[in-house]
Amino acid sequence: TMIRVTIRESFGLPLEYSLEKAYPNPFNSSTNISYHLAEAGDANLSIYNILGQKVATLVDDYQTAGYKTVQWNASDYAAGIYFYKLNAGGRTFTKSMTLLK
């Protein structure tokens, strides 16, 4: 009996898609948002206000697989709760963050 096993080694690349907590959070003026892409492909990372209105697009292009971090400079935005949403690999992830002034 032959058993076929496929092993996917990471070689420093993520094995799954994920969206991490913004750091720092809460924040004043800027925060870092990290996400992991298991495969290369189109990625969109956008910021929404509490009313669900898109206020910023941080990433909207084809990206290689890997660990990514982008900084959001929110110095021109009002204090409050914001949501950041990642669409990549046919998946959607959403988390919240708080901007303090």
N, C-alpha and C. Protein backbone atom coordinates (compact mmCIF):
# COMPACT_ATOMS: atom_id res chain seq x y z
N THR A 1 0.85 -1.18 0.00
CA THR A 1 0.00 0.00 0.00
C THR A 1 0.88 1.23 0.00
N MET A 2 0.57 2.14 -0.92
CA MET A 2 1.34 3.38 -1.02
C MET A 2 0.46 4.53 -0.53
N ILE A 3 1.02 5.32 0.37
CA ILE A 3 0.31 6.49 0.89
C ILE A 3 1.01 7.73 0.36
N ARG A 4 0.24 8.58 -0.28
CA ARG A 4 0.80 9.80 -0.83
C ARG A 4 0.60 10.93 0.17
N VAL A 5 1.69 11.61 0.50
CA VAL A 5 1.65 12.70 1.47
C VAL A 5 2.24 13.94 0.82
N THR A 6 1.53 15.03 0.93
CA THR A 6 2.03 16.30 0.43
C THR A 6 2.38 17.17 1.63
N ILE A 7 3.60 17.61 1.66
CA ILE A 7 4.06 18.46 2.76
C ILE A 7 4.38 19.83 2.19
N ARG A 8 3.76 20.83 2.76
CA ARG A 8 4.03 22.19 2.32
C ARG A 8 4.94 22.85 3.34
N GLU A 9 6.16 23.07 2.96
CA GLU A 9 7.09 23.73 3.86
C GLU A 9 7.01 25.23 3.64
N SER A 10 7.14 25.97 4.72
CA SER A 10 6.91 27.41 4.62
C SER A 10 8.12 28.18 4.09
N PHE A 11 9.33 27.74 4.39
CA PHE A 11 10.52 28.48 3.99
C PHE A 11 10.38 29.96 4.28
N GLY A 12 9.82 30.27 5.45
CA GLY A 12 9.65 31.65 5.84
C GLY A 12 8.41 32.31 5.29
N LEU A 13 7.56 31.56 4.59
CA LEU A 13 6.32 32.12 4.08
C LEU A 13 5.16 31.62 4.92
N PRO A 14 4.10 32.43 5.07
CA PRO A 14 2.95 31.98 5.86
C PRO A 14 2.22 30.82 5.17
N LEU A 15 1.64 29.96 5.97
CA LEU A 15 0.89 28.82 5.45
C LEU A 15 -0.58 29.15 5.26
N GLU A 16 -1.02 30.28 5.82
CA GLU A 16 -2.42 30.67 5.68
C GLU A 16 -2.54 32.18 5.64
N TYR A 17 -3.70 32.64 5.21
CA TYR A 17 -4.01 34.07 5.17
C TYR A 17 -4.43 34.51 6.57
N SER A 18 -4.03 35.71 6.95
CA SER A 18 -4.49 36.25 8.24
C SER A 18 -4.33 37.76 8.28
N LEU A 19 -5.09 38.37 9.15
CA LEU A 19 -5.01 39.80 9.42
C LEU A 19 -4.72 39.94 10.90
N GLU A 20 -3.66 40.64 11.23
CA GLU A 20 -3.23 40.77 12.62
C GLU A 20 -3.84 42.01 13.28
N LYS A 21 -3.71 42.10 14.60
CA LYS A 21 -4.18 43.28 15.33
C LYS A 21 -3.30 44.47 14.96
N ALA A 22 -3.92 45.63 14.83
CA ALA A 22 -3.17 46.86 14.57
C ALA A 22 -2.30 47.15 15.79
N TYR A 23 -1.11 47.70 15.55
CA TYR A 23 -0.22 48.02 16.65
C TYR A 23 0.41 49.38 16.41
N PRO A 24 0.32 50.32 17.33
CA PRO A 24 -0.44 50.20 18.58
C PRO A 24 -1.94 50.36 18.34
N ASN A 25 -2.72 49.92 19.30
CA ASN A 25 -4.16 50.05 19.27
C ASN A 25 -4.67 50.02 20.70
N PRO A 26 -5.24 51.12 21.20
CA PRO A 26 -5.55 52.37 20.51
C PRO A 26 -4.28 53.13 20.12
N PHE A 27 -4.45 54.07 19.18
CA PHE A 27 -3.31 54.80 18.66
C PHE A 27 -3.64 56.28 18.49
N ASN A 28 -2.58 57.07 18.37
CA ASN A 28 -2.71 58.50 18.13
C ASN A 28 -1.88 58.82 16.89
N SER A 29 -2.50 59.13 15.83
CA SER A 29 -1.95 59.56 14.54
C SER A 29 -1.53 58.45 13.59
N SER A 30 -0.86 57.38 14.04
CA SER A 30 -0.51 56.31 13.09
C SER A 30 -0.45 54.96 13.78
N THR A 31 -0.73 53.93 12.99
CA THR A 31 -0.69 52.55 13.49
C THR A 31 -0.19 51.64 12.37
N ASN A 32 0.31 50.49 12.74
CA ASN A 32 0.81 49.50 11.78
C ASN A 32 -0.17 48.34 11.70
N ILE A 33 -0.48 47.94 10.46
CA ILE A 33 -1.38 46.82 10.22
C ILE A 33 -0.60 45.74 9.49
N SER A 34 -0.55 44.56 10.08
CA SER A 34 0.18 43.44 9.48
C SER A 34 -0.81 42.38 8.99
N TYR A 35 -0.44 41.74 7.89
CA TYR A 35 -1.26 40.67 7.34
C TYR A 35 -0.36 39.66 6.65
N HIS A 36 -0.87 38.46 6.49
CA HIS A 36 -0.10 37.36 5.90
C HIS A 36 -0.81 36.86 4.66
N LEU A 37 -0.07 36.71 3.58
CA LEU A 37 -0.61 36.17 2.34
C LEU A 37 0.05 34.83 2.06
N ALA A 38 -0.74 33.78 2.02
CA ALA A 38 -0.21 32.43 1.80
C ALA A 38 0.22 32.23 0.34
N GLU A 39 -0.41 32.95 -0.57
CA GLU A 39 -0.09 32.83 -2.00
C GLU A 39 -0.10 34.21 -2.63
N ALA A 40 0.60 34.36 -3.72
CA ALA A 40 0.58 35.62 -4.47
C ALA A 40 -0.80 35.82 -5.06
N GLY A 41 -1.21 37.08 -5.17
CA GLY A 41 -2.50 37.38 -5.76
C GLY A 41 -2.94 38.79 -5.44
N ASP A 42 -4.14 39.13 -5.88
CA ASP A 42 -4.69 40.45 -5.61
C ASP A 42 -5.03 40.58 -4.13
N ALA A 43 -4.71 41.75 -3.57
CA ALA A 43 -5.01 42.03 -2.17
C ALA A 43 -5.56 43.44 -2.05
N ASN A 44 -6.53 43.60 -1.16
CA ASN A 44 -7.10 44.92 -0.90
C ASN A 44 -7.21 45.08 0.61
N LEU A 45 -6.63 46.17 1.11
CA LEU A 45 -6.71 46.50 2.53
C LEU A 45 -7.28 47.91 2.63
N SER A 46 -8.48 48.03 3.19
CA SER A 46 -9.17 49.32 3.26
C SER A 46 -9.60 49.63 4.68
N ILE A 47 -9.78 50.92 4.93
CA ILE A 47 -10.20 51.42 6.25
C ILE A 47 -11.62 51.98 6.12
N TYR A 48 -12.47 51.65 7.11
CA TYR A 48 -13.86 52.10 7.13
C TYR A 48 -14.15 52.79 8.45
N ASN A 49 -15.02 53.81 8.40
CA ASN A 49 -15.42 54.47 9.65
C ASN A 49 -16.56 53.67 10.28
N ILE A 50 -17.04 54.17 11.41
CA ILE A 50 -18.07 53.45 12.17
C ILE A 50 -19.39 53.34 11.40
N LEU A 51 -19.58 54.21 10.39
CA LEU A 51 -20.79 54.17 9.57
C LEU A 51 -20.67 53.22 8.39
N GLY A 52 -19.48 52.59 8.26
CA GLY A 52 -19.26 51.65 7.16
C GLY A 52 -18.80 52.31 5.88
N GLN A 53 -18.45 53.59 5.93
CA GLN A 53 -17.97 54.32 4.76
C GLN A 53 -16.47 54.12 4.61
N LYS A 54 -16.04 53.78 3.40
CA LYS A 54 -14.61 53.62 3.16
C LYS A 54 -13.93 54.98 3.23
N VAL A 55 -12.90 55.10 4.07
CA VAL A 55 -12.20 56.36 4.23
C VAL A 55 -10.78 56.32 3.68
N ALA A 56 -10.24 55.12 3.47
CA ALA A 56 -8.87 55.01 2.94
C ALA A 56 -8.66 53.62 2.36
N THR A 57 -7.83 53.56 1.33
CA THR A 57 -7.38 52.29 0.76
C THR A 57 -5.87 52.26 0.89
N LEU A 58 -5.36 51.31 1.65
CA LEU A 58 -3.92 51.22 1.90
C LEU A 58 -3.22 50.32 0.90
N VAL A 59 -3.91 49.27 0.45
CA VAL A 59 -3.34 48.31 -0.51
C VAL A 59 -4.45 47.95 -1.49
N ASP A 60 -4.13 47.96 -2.77
CA ASP A 60 -5.08 47.52 -3.79
C ASP A 60 -4.30 47.11 -5.03
N ASP A 61 -3.59 45.98 -4.94
CA ASP A 61 -2.79 45.53 -6.07
C ASP A 61 -2.39 44.06 -5.91
N TYR A 62 -1.70 43.57 -6.88
CA TYR A 62 -1.16 42.20 -6.86
C TYR A 62 0.04 42.19 -5.91
N GLN A 63 0.08 41.22 -5.01
CA GLN A 63 1.19 41.12 -4.07
C GLN A 63 1.72 39.70 -4.02
N THR A 64 3.01 39.59 -3.74
CA THR A 64 3.63 38.29 -3.57
C THR A 64 3.22 37.71 -2.21
N ALA A 65 3.37 36.42 -2.06
CA ALA A 65 3.11 35.78 -0.77
C ALA A 65 4.11 36.29 0.25
N GLY A 66 3.68 36.33 1.51
CA GLY A 66 4.61 36.73 2.56
C GLY A 66 3.93 37.49 3.68
N TYR A 67 4.78 37.97 4.56
CA TYR A 67 4.34 38.75 5.72
C TYR A 67 4.43 40.22 5.35
N LYS A 68 3.33 40.94 5.49
CA LYS A 68 3.25 42.34 5.05
C LYS A 68 2.87 43.23 6.22
N THR A 69 3.37 44.46 6.20
CA THR A 69 2.98 45.47 7.18
C THR A 69 2.86 46.81 6.47
N VAL A 70 1.75 47.49 6.74
CA VAL A 70 1.56 48.84 6.20
C VAL A 70 1.24 49.77 7.36
N GLN A 71 1.63 51.02 7.21
CA GLN A 71 1.34 52.02 8.23
C GLN A 71 0.20 52.90 7.75
N TRP A 72 -0.75 53.15 8.64
CA TRP A 72 -1.83 54.09 8.33
C TRP A 72 -1.60 55.35 9.12
N ASN A 73 -1.38 56.46 8.41
CA ASN A 73 -1.24 57.76 9.03
C ASN A 73 -2.64 58.37 9.10
N ALA A 74 -3.21 58.42 10.28
CA ALA A 74 -4.58 58.88 10.47
C ALA A 74 -4.65 60.27 11.08
N SER A 75 -3.59 61.04 10.93
CA SER A 75 -3.55 62.37 11.55
C SER A 75 -4.63 63.31 11.02
N ASP A 76 -5.15 63.07 9.81
CA ASP A 76 -6.19 63.92 9.23
C ASP A 76 -7.60 63.37 9.47
N TYR A 77 -7.73 62.34 10.29
CA TYR A 77 -9.03 61.72 10.53
C TYR A 77 -9.50 62.02 11.95
N ALA A 78 -10.82 61.99 12.14
CA ALA A 78 -11.41 62.25 13.45
C ALA A 78 -11.18 61.06 14.39
N ALA A 79 -11.13 61.36 15.68
CA ALA A 79 -11.01 60.30 16.68
C ALA A 79 -12.23 59.39 16.59
N GLY A 80 -12.04 58.11 16.90
CA GLY A 80 -13.16 57.18 16.89
C GLY A 80 -12.73 55.77 16.55
N ILE A 81 -13.71 54.92 16.35
CA ILE A 81 -13.46 53.52 16.03
C ILE A 81 -13.47 53.36 14.50
N TYR A 82 -12.48 52.65 14.00
CA TYR A 82 -12.37 52.37 12.57
C TYR A 82 -12.22 50.87 12.39
N PHE A 83 -12.61 50.39 11.22
CA PHE A 83 -12.47 48.99 10.87
C PHE A 83 -11.51 48.88 9.71
N TYR A 84 -10.67 47.87 9.73
CA TYR A 84 -9.78 47.61 8.59
C TYR A 84 -10.11 46.22 8.07
N LYS A 85 -10.24 46.15 6.73
CA LYS A 85 -10.71 44.92 6.09
C LYS A 85 -9.72 44.50 5.02
N LEU A 86 -9.33 43.23 5.08
CA LEU A 86 -8.44 42.64 4.09
C LEU A 86 -9.22 41.65 3.24
N ASN A 87 -9.16 41.83 1.92
CA ASN A 87 -9.69 40.87 0.96
C ASN A 87 -8.51 40.29 0.20
N ALA A 88 -8.30 38.99 0.34
CA ALA A 88 -7.18 38.32 -0.34
C ALA A 88 -7.44 36.83 -0.37
N GLY A 89 -7.03 36.20 -1.46
CA GLY A 89 -7.17 34.75 -1.57
C GLY A 89 -8.59 34.25 -1.44
N GLY A 90 -9.56 35.06 -1.86
CA GLY A 90 -10.96 34.67 -1.75
C GLY A 90 -11.50 34.72 -0.33
N ARG A 91 -10.76 35.36 0.55
CA ARG A 91 -11.17 35.45 1.95
C ARG A 91 -11.29 36.92 2.35
N THR A 92 -12.07 37.16 3.40
CA THR A 92 -12.23 38.52 3.94
C THR A 92 -12.03 38.47 5.45
N PHE A 93 -11.20 39.39 5.94
CA PHE A 93 -10.92 39.50 7.37
C PHE A 93 -11.19 40.95 7.78
N THR A 94 -11.79 41.14 8.94
CA THR A 94 -12.08 42.49 9.44
C THR A 94 -11.73 42.58 10.92
N LYS A 95 -11.09 43.68 11.27
CA LYS A 95 -10.76 43.96 12.69
C LYS A 95 -11.02 45.44 12.95
N SER A 96 -11.08 45.80 14.22
CA SER A 96 -11.33 47.19 14.59
C SER A 96 -10.11 47.79 15.29
N MET A 97 -10.07 49.12 15.27
CA MET A 97 -9.00 49.86 15.93
C MET A 97 -9.58 51.19 16.40
N THR A 98 -8.93 51.80 17.37
CA THR A 98 -9.42 53.05 17.94
C THR A 98 -8.39 54.15 17.80
N LEU A 99 -8.81 55.24 17.16
CA LEU A 99 -7.96 56.41 16.98
C LEU A 99 -8.29 57.41 18.09
N LEU A 100 -7.28 57.78 18.85
CA LEU A 100 -7.42 58.77 19.93
C LEU A 100 -6.77 60.07 19.50
N LYS A 101 -7.32 61.17 19.91
CA LYS A 101 -6.73 62.48 19.61
C LYS A 101 -6.39 63.20 20.89
